[in-house]
Protein backbone atom coordinates (compact mmCIF):
# COMPACT_ATOMS: atom_id res chain seq x y z
CA MET A 1 131.38 105.53 143.92
CA LEU A 2 129.30 107.58 141.74
CA LYS A 3 126.51 105.83 139.76
CA VAL A 4 127.41 108.10 136.83
CA PRO A 5 131.21 108.67 136.86
CA TYR A 6 132.90 111.63 135.42
CA ARG A 7 133.96 111.02 131.96
CA SER A 8 137.62 111.88 132.79
CA GLU A 9 137.69 109.12 135.33
CA VAL A 10 136.72 106.11 133.18
CA ALA A 11 137.96 104.71 129.91
CA ASP A 12 134.65 104.53 128.17
CA ALA A 13 130.86 104.58 128.36
CA SER A 14 130.74 100.91 129.42
CA ALA A 15 131.28 102.11 133.09
CA LEU A 16 127.84 103.80 133.03
CA PRO A 17 124.65 102.11 134.04
CA VAL A 18 122.92 100.46 131.04
CA ASP A 19 120.06 103.02 130.95
CA TYR A 20 122.57 105.92 130.74
CA GLN A 21 124.50 103.99 127.94
CA ARG A 22 121.16 103.74 125.99
CA MET A 23 120.59 107.48 126.39
CA LEU A 24 124.12 108.16 125.07
CA GLN A 25 123.55 105.85 122.11
CA ILE A 26 120.35 107.68 121.16
CA VAL A 27 121.99 111.12 121.32
CA LYS A 28 124.87 109.81 119.26
CA ALA A 29 122.55 108.22 116.69
CA ALA A 30 120.69 111.46 116.22
CA GLY A 31 123.86 113.08 114.61
CA GLY A 32 123.00 116.49 115.99
CA PRO A 33 121.37 118.30 118.86
CA VAL A 34 118.49 116.33 120.37
CA MET A 35 115.62 117.38 122.58
CA VAL A 36 114.60 115.52 125.80
CA LYS A 37 111.25 114.59 124.31
CA GLU A 38 113.02 113.00 121.24
CA VAL A 39 115.15 110.89 123.55
CA GLY A 40 112.00 109.98 125.50
CA ALA A 41 110.31 108.97 122.29
CA GLU A 42 113.04 106.53 121.49
CA LEU A 43 112.88 105.10 124.99
CA GLY A 44 109.12 104.76 124.72
CA ILE A 45 108.21 107.33 127.28
CA ASP A 46 104.76 109.05 126.69
CA ALA A 47 105.59 112.73 126.47
CA SER A 48 101.86 113.68 126.39
CA VAL A 49 101.70 113.03 130.21
CA PRO A 50 102.88 116.04 132.27
CA GLY A 51 106.11 115.38 134.34
CA ARG A 52 106.87 112.13 132.51
CA LEU A 53 109.95 113.53 130.90
CA GLU A 54 111.31 115.23 134.10
CA PRO A 55 113.37 112.21 135.32
CA LEU A 56 114.87 111.84 131.94
CA CYS A 57 115.78 115.47 131.79
CA GLY A 58 117.47 114.99 135.08
CA LYS A 59 119.53 112.06 133.95
CA LEU A 60 120.50 113.90 130.64
CA SER A 61 121.64 116.86 132.72
CA LYS A 62 123.57 114.65 135.03
CA LEU A 63 125.40 113.17 131.91
CA ALA A 64 126.07 116.71 130.72
CA ALA A 65 127.44 117.75 134.17
CA ARG A 66 129.71 114.77 134.37
CA GLY A 67 131.19 115.55 130.80
CA TRP A 68 129.49 112.84 128.71
CA LEU A 69 127.20 115.24 126.74
CA TYR A 70 127.06 118.93 125.92
CA LYS A 71 123.95 120.74 127.04
CA LEU A 72 123.27 123.62 124.56
CA PRO A 73 121.68 126.97 125.59
CA ASN A 74 118.46 126.03 123.86
CA GLY A 75 118.04 122.91 125.98
CA THR A 76 119.08 120.40 123.48
CA TYR A 77 121.90 117.81 124.08
CA ARG A 78 124.69 116.65 121.82
CA ILE A 79 127.43 114.02 122.23
CA ARG A 80 130.91 115.15 123.12
CA PRO A 81 133.60 114.14 120.71
């Protein structure tokens, strides 16, 4: 079983791990496209340290690849309707 299931395979976001649910909430609350560093700031990640946001970027990309988010060409993310 995948840690992050495809959106089409589960009823809602409650099937996701808690940290991924929190990321979805942050993107949804933004009301529009959001950058990785903005999500990181909400999670309390210090973006001034090089490489600190890379794991978060990977998690957001995984959410986009599995249908939970849209990844826009400019590198921002937004919630799928």
